[in-house]
Amino acid sequence: MTPARAAALADGWRDLPVGDILVLRWQKNLTAHLEWLVGHLAPGPVREALVTWAGTRRLLP
């Protein structure tokens, strides 16, 4: 799942099937420590992808 797709689904998560809600929760749990990790990475594509996920995480249920 991409951060954009997760953000789009998160907007109306209460209306989603349980399986989709669980996927969003799984994504949120996987990204729990990204803000800490980002501070230890050099600038580059991996860091930018993690920054995007960290921002998306705030939207997830």
N, C-alpha and C. Protein backbone atom coordinates (compact mmCIF):
# COMPACT_ATOMS: atom_id res chain seq x y z
N MET A 1 0.84 -1.17 0.00
CA MET A 1 0.00 0.00 0.00
C MET A 1 0.89 1.24 0.00
N THR A 2 0.50 2.21 -0.76
CA THR A 2 1.25 3.47 -0.82
C THR A 2 0.72 4.43 0.25
N PRO A 3 1.53 5.40 0.61
CA PRO A 3 1.04 6.39 1.57
C PRO A 3 -0.20 7.13 1.06
N ALA A 4 -0.24 7.41 -0.23
CA ALA A 4 -1.41 8.10 -0.79
C ALA A 4 -2.67 7.25 -0.69
N ARG A 5 -2.54 5.97 -0.96
CA ARG A 5 -3.69 5.06 -0.86
C ARG A 5 -4.15 4.94 0.60
N ALA A 6 -3.19 4.82 1.51
CA ALA A 6 -3.53 4.72 2.93
C ALA A 6 -4.26 5.98 3.40
N ALA A 7 -3.77 7.15 2.98
CA ALA A 7 -4.41 8.41 3.37
C ALA A 7 -5.82 8.51 2.81
N ALA A 8 -5.99 8.06 1.57
CA ALA A 8 -7.32 8.10 0.95
C ALA A 8 -8.29 7.19 1.68
N LEU A 9 -7.85 6.01 2.06
CA LEU A 9 -8.71 5.07 2.79
C LEU A 9 -8.99 5.55 4.21
N ALA A 10 -8.02 6.20 4.80
CA ALA A 10 -8.16 6.63 6.20
C ALA A 10 -9.24 7.68 6.38
N ASP A 11 -9.51 8.43 5.35
CA ASP A 11 -10.51 9.50 5.45
C ASP A 11 -11.88 8.95 5.85
N GLY A 12 -12.27 7.82 5.32
CA GLY A 12 -13.57 7.24 5.66
C GLY A 12 -13.43 5.85 6.23
N TRP A 13 -12.46 5.65 7.10
CA TRP A 13 -12.12 4.31 7.57
C TRP A 13 -13.27 3.62 8.29
N ARG A 14 -14.15 4.36 8.91
CA ARG A 14 -15.25 3.72 9.65
C ARG A 14 -16.21 2.97 8.73
N ASP A 15 -16.24 3.35 7.48
CA ASP A 15 -17.14 2.71 6.52
C ASP A 15 -16.47 1.56 5.76
N LEU A 16 -15.21 1.30 6.04
CA LEU A 16 -14.48 0.24 5.34
C LEU A 16 -14.78 -1.13 5.92
N PRO A 17 -14.57 -2.18 5.12
CA PRO A 17 -14.67 -3.54 5.67
C PRO A 17 -13.59 -3.74 6.74
N VAL A 18 -13.85 -4.61 7.67
CA VAL A 18 -12.94 -4.86 8.78
C VAL A 18 -11.53 -5.20 8.29
N GLY A 19 -11.43 -5.98 7.24
CA GLY A 19 -10.11 -6.35 6.71
C GLY A 19 -9.29 -5.14 6.28
N ASP A 20 -9.93 -4.17 5.66
CA ASP A 20 -9.22 -2.95 5.24
C ASP A 20 -8.81 -2.11 6.43
N ILE A 21 -9.66 -2.06 7.46
CA ILE A 21 -9.32 -1.33 8.67
C ILE A 21 -8.10 -1.98 9.34
N LEU A 22 -8.07 -3.29 9.35
CA LEU A 22 -6.93 -4.00 9.95
C LEU A 22 -5.64 -3.71 9.19
N VAL A 23 -5.72 -3.60 7.88
CA VAL A 23 -4.53 -3.26 7.08
C VAL A 23 -4.04 -1.86 7.44
N LEU A 24 -4.96 -0.92 7.59
CA LEU A 24 -4.57 0.44 7.98
C LEU A 24 -3.94 0.46 9.37
N ARG A 25 -4.50 -0.30 10.30
CA ARG A 25 -3.92 -0.39 11.64
C ARG A 25 -2.53 -1.02 11.60
N TRP A 26 -2.38 -2.03 10.74
CA TRP A 26 -1.08 -2.70 10.58
C TRP A 26 -0.05 -1.69 10.07
N GLN A 27 -0.46 -0.89 9.09
CA GLN A 27 0.45 0.14 8.56
C GLN A 27 0.82 1.14 9.66
N LYS A 28 -0.15 1.52 10.47
CA LYS A 28 0.13 2.46 11.56
C LYS A 28 1.12 1.86 12.56
N ASN A 29 0.93 0.60 12.89
CA ASN A 29 1.84 -0.05 13.82
C ASN A 29 3.24 -0.19 13.24
N LEU A 30 3.33 -0.49 11.95
CA LEU A 30 4.64 -0.62 11.31
C LEU A 30 5.42 0.69 11.28
N THR A 31 4.71 1.78 11.26
CA THR A 31 5.37 3.08 11.11
C THR A 31 5.51 3.83 12.44
N ALA A 32 5.33 3.15 13.53
CA ALA A 32 5.33 3.79 14.85
C ALA A 32 6.62 4.53 15.19
N HIS A 33 7.75 4.06 14.73
CA HIS A 33 9.02 4.65 15.14
C HIS A 33 9.72 5.40 14.01
N LEU A 34 8.99 5.74 12.97
CA LEU A 34 9.62 6.38 11.82
C LEU A 34 10.18 7.75 12.13
N GLU A 35 9.49 8.53 12.93
CA GLU A 35 10.00 9.88 13.22
C GLU A 35 11.37 9.80 13.89
N TRP A 36 11.55 8.85 14.77
CA TRP A 36 12.85 8.67 15.42
C TRP A 36 13.89 8.23 14.40
N LEU A 37 13.51 7.27 13.56
CA LEU A 37 14.44 6.73 12.57
C LEU A 37 14.86 7.78 11.55
N VAL A 38 13.94 8.59 11.11
CA VAL A 38 14.23 9.61 10.10
C VAL A 38 15.34 10.54 10.58
N GLY A 39 15.37 10.83 11.86
CA GLY A 39 16.40 11.70 12.40
C GLY A 39 17.80 11.12 12.32
N HIS A 40 17.90 9.82 12.06
CA HIS A 40 19.20 9.17 12.00
C HIS A 40 19.64 8.85 10.57
N LEU A 41 18.83 9.21 9.59
CA LEU A 41 19.14 8.89 8.20
C LEU A 41 19.68 10.10 7.45
N ALA A 42 20.57 9.82 6.53
CA ALA A 42 21.07 10.87 5.65
C ALA A 42 19.99 11.21 4.62
N PRO A 43 19.99 12.43 4.13
CA PRO A 43 19.03 12.79 3.09
C PRO A 43 19.14 11.85 1.89
N GLY A 44 18.00 11.53 1.33
CA GLY A 44 17.96 10.65 0.18
C GLY A 44 16.57 10.10 -0.02
N PRO A 45 16.40 9.23 -0.99
CA PRO A 45 15.07 8.72 -1.33
C PRO A 45 14.43 7.87 -0.22
N VAL A 46 15.22 7.11 0.49
CA VAL A 46 14.67 6.29 1.58
C VAL A 46 14.15 7.19 2.69
N ARG A 47 14.93 8.17 3.05
CA ARG A 47 14.51 9.11 4.10
C ARG A 47 13.23 9.84 3.69
N GLU A 48 13.17 10.28 2.45
CA GLU A 48 11.98 10.99 1.98
C GLU A 48 10.74 10.10 2.00
N ALA A 49 10.90 8.83 1.64
CA ALA A 49 9.77 7.90 1.68
C ALA A 49 9.29 7.71 3.12
N LEU A 50 10.22 7.62 4.05
CA LEU A 50 9.85 7.45 5.45
C LEU A 50 9.21 8.70 6.03
N VAL A 51 9.65 9.86 5.59
CA VAL A 51 9.02 11.12 6.02
C VAL A 51 7.57 11.15 5.53
N THR A 52 7.35 10.70 4.31
CA THR A 52 5.99 10.65 3.76
C THR A 52 5.12 9.72 4.59
N TRP A 53 5.65 8.53 4.92
CA TRP A 53 4.87 7.59 5.73
C TRP A 53 4.62 8.14 7.13
N ALA A 54 5.58 8.83 7.69
CA ALA A 54 5.40 9.41 9.03
C ALA A 54 4.26 10.42 9.02
N GLY A 55 4.16 11.20 7.97
CA GLY A 55 3.07 12.15 7.86
C GLY A 55 1.73 11.46 7.64
N THR A 56 1.74 10.40 6.88
CA THR A 56 0.51 9.64 6.62
C THR A 56 0.04 8.93 7.88
N ARG A 57 0.96 8.50 8.70
CA ARG A 57 0.63 7.76 9.91
C ARG A 57 -0.36 8.50 10.79
N ARG A 58 -0.22 9.80 10.84
CA ARG A 58 -1.10 10.63 11.69
C ARG A 58 -2.56 10.54 11.26
N LEU A 59 -2.79 10.17 10.01
CA LEU A 59 -4.16 10.08 9.48
C LEU A 59 -4.83 8.73 9.70
N LEU A 60 -4.01 7.73 10.02
CA LEU A 60 -4.52 6.36 10.11
C LEU A 60 -5.28 6.11 11.40
N PRO A 61 -6.26 5.20 11.32
CA PRO A 61 -7.05 4.88 12.54
C PRO A 61 -6.25 4.11 13.56
